Amino acid sequence: MQTDTLSISQDPMGAAIRDFHLTGKAGRLRVLSSMFEEDEMPVAHLFRTFKDMPRTEQRALEEAYGNVLDIGAGAGCHALELQQRGKSVKAIDISPLSCEVMEERGVKDVECTNVFNPTFIGQFDTILLLMNGTGIAGKLSNLPNLLNRLKQLMSKDGQILIDSSDLKYIYEDEDGAFDIDLNGPYYGEVDYQMVYRNVKGESFDWLYTDPTMLKAVCEQCGLKCEIIEEGDHYDYLAKITLTI
């Protein structure tokens, strides 16, 4: 797994976050993929407040306890809400621009680092990975690496709160059957590239995990996985704890 952070010249999301923070508006944050038509991420969504969050994210923030680690914290919307609730939270992101914005918005403990960087250490009671937290594994084959890394950062009574979506709905035909090639790559593996103004990021792999698969991989890693909230569109929140 990559352990580095982004350079500013290849950080389109960070550039969009900075523009929105400074001016209250941003240009189009384009999302490209070899698998889907071009899409757009509304930058204002990255600054949402608790009432505008989907129920899965609200539940995660309600369930968070103790010393919290927010991985891939973006513009800091989750970290800020937790701080308002009196929680101790450390926010990390691989985007230097996003980290600057979080600090300016009042997130007290921000570090620009990659969770896979072995020099990043700590013991956390709650580890948050929201906005499709399984994504940073990239590929299904790397999901055990992610879970084992999170295990290293968990306190013995800790929890991981992670959300994802089951992409099977993309393959649903008119009769309600799913046309998925079981011999091909896992259907939740996607590639993305983001572009903002003249800033183009590198293409990256992103993993959406169905709940059954997530539970199975957790079990392999000595972890217990429980689905604690389901959204409206094949999305869900999982709570992962140590089995011993």
Protein backbone atom coordinates (compact mmCIF):
# COMPACT_ATOMS: atom_id res chain seq x y z
CA MET A 1 0.00 0.00 0.00
CA GLN A 2 1.17 3.53 -0.68
CA THR A 3 2.29 5.36 2.44
CA ASP A 4 2.88 8.84 1.03
CA THR A 5 0.79 12.00 0.91
CA LEU A 6 -0.36 13.99 -2.12
CA SER A 7 1.61 16.75 -3.80
CA ILE A 8 -0.35 20.00 -4.13
CA SER A 9 -0.04 19.85 -7.92
CA GLN A 10 -1.94 16.52 -7.94
CA ASP A 11 -4.59 17.23 -5.32
CA PRO A 12 -7.79 18.30 -7.10
CA MET A 13 -10.08 17.62 -4.15
CA GLY A 14 -7.82 19.59 -1.82
CA ALA A 15 -7.79 22.51 -4.29
CA ALA A 16 -11.60 22.45 -4.47
CA ILE A 17 -11.88 22.30 -0.67
CA ARG A 18 -9.51 25.26 -0.31
CA ASP A 19 -11.45 27.35 -2.86
CA PHE A 20 -14.77 26.64 -1.18
CA HIS A 21 -13.34 27.42 2.24
CA LEU A 22 -11.90 30.74 1.08
CA THR A 23 -14.72 31.98 -1.17
CA GLY A 24 -17.83 29.93 -0.35
CA LYS A 25 -17.88 28.51 -3.85
CA ALA A 26 -15.83 26.20 -6.06
CA GLY A 27 -15.66 25.08 -9.66
CA ARG A 28 -16.63 21.63 -10.89
CA LEU A 29 -14.87 18.75 -9.15
CA ARG A 30 -15.01 16.21 -11.96
CA VAL A 31 -14.90 12.47 -11.25
CA LEU A 32 -13.73 10.28 -14.13
CA SER A 33 -13.78 6.49 -14.32
CA SER A 34 -13.18 3.87 -16.98
CA MET A 35 -16.32 2.11 -15.69
CA PHE A 36 -18.86 4.94 -15.50
CA GLU A 37 -19.82 8.14 -17.24
CA GLU A 38 -18.18 11.32 -15.97
CA ASP A 39 -19.68 12.51 -12.70
CA GLU A 40 -19.29 15.53 -10.47
CA MET A 41 -18.82 15.79 -6.70
CA PRO A 42 -20.62 18.76 -5.14
CA VAL A 43 -17.88 20.46 -3.11
CA ALA A 44 -20.40 21.97 -0.66
CA HIS A 45 -21.22 18.38 0.37
CA LEU A 46 -17.74 18.10 1.88
CA PHE A 47 -18.66 20.95 4.28
CA ARG A 48 -22.00 19.50 5.38
CA THR A 49 -23.30 19.80 8.91
CA PHE A 50 -24.76 16.98 10.99
CA LYS A 51 -28.34 17.57 9.83
CA ASP A 52 -27.27 17.23 6.17
CA MET A 53 -25.37 13.97 6.67
CA PRO A 54 -26.89 10.63 5.65
CA ARG A 55 -28.22 8.53 8.52
CA THR A 56 -25.26 6.13 8.32
CA GLU A 57 -22.82 8.97 9.06
CA GLN A 58 -25.02 10.44 11.79
CA ARG A 59 -25.14 7.04 13.48
CA ALA A 60 -21.35 6.70 13.28
CA LEU A 61 -20.87 10.05 15.04
CA GLU A 62 -23.44 9.09 17.68
CA GLU A 63 -21.64 5.77 18.29
CA ALA A 64 -18.14 7.28 18.53
CA TYR A 65 -16.57 7.14 21.99
CA GLY A 66 -13.23 7.74 23.68
CA ASN A 67 -10.20 8.82 21.71
CA VAL A 68 -11.31 9.11 18.05
CA LEU A 69 -9.28 8.84 14.83
CA ASP A 70 -10.96 10.27 11.70
CA ILE A 71 -9.23 8.82 8.63
CA GLY A 72 -9.56 10.66 5.33
CA ALA A 73 -11.10 13.59 7.17
CA GLY A 74 -11.38 15.90 4.12
CA ALA A 75 -12.72 19.32 5.08
CA GLY A 76 -13.28 18.14 8.66
CA CYS A 77 -17.08 17.99 8.85
CA HIS A 78 -17.09 14.83 11.02
CA ALA A 79 -14.20 15.94 13.23
CA LEU A 80 -15.82 19.32 13.89
CA GLU A 81 -19.12 17.72 14.86
CA LEU A 82 -17.31 15.36 17.26
CA GLN A 83 -15.41 18.26 18.81
CA GLN A 84 -18.70 20.08 19.37
CA ARG A 85 -19.89 16.97 21.20
CA GLY A 86 -16.86 17.16 23.48
CA LYS A 87 -14.95 14.27 21.91
CA SER A 88 -11.19 14.05 21.58
CA VAL A 89 -10.55 13.56 17.85
CA LYS A 90 -7.47 13.34 15.65
CA ALA A 91 -8.10 14.03 11.96
CA ILE A 92 -5.74 12.70 9.30
CA ASP A 93 -5.72 13.11 5.53
CA ILE A 94 -3.21 12.64 2.71
CA SER A 95 -4.10 16.07 1.28
CA PRO A 96 -1.97 18.96 2.65
CA LEU A 97 -4.53 21.49 1.37
CA SER A 98 -7.39 19.70 3.14
CA CYS A 99 -5.36 19.58 6.35
CA GLU A 100 -4.69 23.33 6.17
CA VAL A 101 -8.41 23.99 5.72
CA MET A 102 -9.30 21.74 8.65
CA GLU A 103 -6.92 23.65 10.90
CA GLU A 104 -8.35 26.98 9.73
CA ARG A 105 -11.89 25.68 10.39
CA GLY A 106 -10.95 24.83 13.97
CA VAL A 107 -10.09 21.14 14.00
CA LYS A 108 -7.67 20.99 16.94
CA ASP A 109 -5.57 17.92 16.10
CA VAL A 110 -4.76 17.53 12.39
CA GLU A 111 -1.95 15.52 10.82
CA CYS A 112 -1.16 15.23 7.13
CA THR A 113 -0.27 11.58 6.87
CA ASN A 114 -1.27 8.30 5.27
CA VAL A 115 -2.75 5.73 7.64
CA PHE A 116 -0.46 3.10 6.09
CA ASN A 117 2.66 5.10 7.00
CA PRO A 118 4.37 2.93 9.65
CA THR A 119 5.59 6.03 11.51
CA PHE A 120 1.97 6.93 12.29
CA ILE A 121 1.21 5.33 15.65
CA GLY A 122 -1.40 5.62 18.38
CA GLN A 123 -4.16 3.78 20.20
CA PHE A 124 -7.71 4.85 19.43
CA ASP A 125 -11.03 3.81 20.93
CA THR A 126 -13.00 4.71 17.80
CA ILE A 127 -11.60 4.70 14.26
CA LEU A 128 -13.85 6.40 11.71
CA LEU A 129 -13.70 5.75 7.97
CA LEU A 130 -16.67 7.48 6.36
CA MET A 131 -17.76 8.38 2.81
CA ASN A 132 -17.10 4.81 1.65
CA GLY A 133 -14.36 4.03 4.12
CA THR A 134 -13.50 0.68 2.52
CA GLY A 135 -12.42 2.67 -0.53
CA ILE A 136 -8.88 3.28 0.66
CA ALA A 137 -8.13 -0.44 0.43
CA GLY A 138 -8.28 0.06 -3.34
CA LYS A 139 -8.68 -3.61 -4.22
CA LEU A 140 -10.39 -6.48 -2.43
CA SER A 141 -7.02 -8.22 -2.11
CA ASN A 142 -5.80 -5.25 -0.04
CA LEU A 143 -8.76 -5.18 2.35
CA PRO A 144 -7.01 -7.51 4.88
CA ASN A 145 -4.01 -5.11 4.84
CA LEU A 146 -6.31 -2.22 5.71
CA LEU A 147 -8.10 -4.12 8.48
CA ASN A 148 -4.87 -5.42 9.99
CA ARG A 149 -3.42 -1.91 9.95
CA LEU A 150 -6.52 -0.58 11.73
CA LYS A 151 -6.17 -3.37 14.30
CA GLN A 152 -2.71 -2.00 15.16
CA LEU A 153 -4.27 1.40 15.88
CA MET A 154 -7.21 0.14 17.97
CA SER A 155 -7.35 0.02 21.72
CA LYS A 156 -8.34 -3.42 23.07
CA ASP A 157 -11.90 -2.25 23.67
CA GLY A 158 -11.92 -0.17 20.50
CA GLN A 159 -14.18 -0.10 17.46
CA ILE A 160 -13.90 0.67 13.78
CA LEU A 161 -16.93 2.43 12.24
CA ILE A 162 -16.77 2.11 8.48
CA ASP A 163 -19.29 2.64 5.72
CA SER A 164 -19.60 1.35 2.18
CA SER A 165 -22.13 0.46 -0.51
CA ASP A 166 -22.98 -2.74 -2.35
CA LEU A 167 -22.64 -1.88 -6.05
CA LYS A 168 -24.70 -4.86 -7.16
CA TYR A 169 -27.58 -2.51 -8.01
CA ILE A 170 -25.55 -1.32 -11.02
CA TYR A 171 -25.80 -4.82 -12.47
CA GLU A 172 -29.51 -5.34 -11.84
CA ASP A 173 -31.55 -6.12 -14.95
CA GLU A 174 -35.22 -5.37 -15.63
CA ASP A 175 -36.29 -8.66 -14.01
CA GLY A 176 -34.48 -7.89 -10.75
CA ALA A 177 -31.68 -10.40 -11.42
CA PHE A 178 -28.02 -9.42 -11.07
CA ASP A 179 -25.77 -9.85 -14.10
CA ILE A 180 -22.41 -10.12 -12.35
CA ASP A 181 -19.40 -11.96 -13.81
CA LEU A 182 -18.33 -14.11 -10.88
CA ASN A 183 -15.14 -15.10 -12.72
CA GLY A 184 -14.06 -11.51 -13.30
CA PRO A 185 -12.63 -8.99 -10.85
CA TYR A 186 -14.71 -8.28 -7.75
CA TYR A 187 -17.60 -6.07 -8.85
CA GLY A 188 -16.94 -3.48 -6.15
CA GLU A 189 -13.51 -2.56 -7.53
CA VAL A 190 -13.62 0.81 -9.30
CA ASP A 191 -11.03 3.20 -10.70
CA TYR A 192 -11.37 6.96 -10.39
CA GLN A 193 -9.55 10.10 -11.40
CA MET A 194 -10.45 13.57 -10.16
CA VAL A 195 -9.98 16.84 -12.01
CA TYR A 196 -10.51 20.35 -10.66
CA ARG A 197 -9.83 23.35 -12.88
CA ASN A 198 -6.28 22.70 -14.16
CA VAL A 199 -5.38 20.26 -11.35
CA LYS A 200 -5.52 16.64 -12.43
CA GLY A 201 -4.99 13.87 -9.90
CA GLU A 202 -3.55 10.46 -10.63
CA SER A 203 -5.94 7.59 -11.29
CA PHE A 204 -6.60 5.52 -8.18
CA ASP A 205 -8.35 2.29 -7.23
CA TRP A 206 -11.36 2.49 -4.91
CA LEU A 207 -13.17 -0.40 -3.24
CA TYR A 208 -16.87 -0.72 -2.50
CA THR A 209 -17.54 -3.78 -0.34
CA ASP A 210 -20.77 -5.67 0.06
CA PRO A 211 -21.67 -6.48 3.69
CA THR A 212 -21.23 -10.26 3.34
CA MET A 213 -17.75 -9.84 1.88
CA LEU A 214 -16.74 -7.34 4.56
CA LYS A 215 -17.88 -9.73 7.31
CA ALA A 216 -15.94 -12.62 5.75
CA VAL A 217 -12.70 -10.64 5.42
CA CYS A 218 -13.07 -9.31 8.98
CA GLU A 219 -13.40 -12.87 10.22
CA GLN A 220 -10.17 -13.83 8.43
CA CYS A 221 -8.46 -10.96 10.27
CA GLY A 222 -9.75 -11.96 13.71
CA LEU A 223 -12.37 -9.24 13.76
CA LYS A 224 -16.12 -9.24 14.36
CA CYS A 225 -18.25 -7.22 11.93
CA GLU A 226 -21.80 -6.11 12.64
CA ILE A 227 -23.99 -4.02 10.31
CA ILE A 228 -25.54 -1.38 12.58
CA GLU A 229 -27.24 0.95 10.09
CA GLU A 230 -28.52 0.57 6.55
CA GLY A 231 -29.09 3.48 4.18
CA ASP A 232 -31.64 3.95 1.44
CA HIS A 233 -29.50 2.80 -1.46
CA TYR A 234 -27.47 -0.34 -0.70
CA ASP A 235 -25.25 1.70 1.65
CA TYR A 236 -24.53 0.65 5.22
CA LEU A 237 -22.49 1.33 8.34
CA ALA A 238 -20.49 -1.48 9.95
CA LYS A 239 -19.08 -1.70 13.46
CA ILE A 240 -15.91 -3.80 13.66
CA THR A 241 -14.41 -5.00 16.95
CA LEU A 242 -11.79 -7.45 18.13
CA THR A 243 -13.00 -11.02 18.59
CA ILE A 244 -10.76 -11.64 21.59
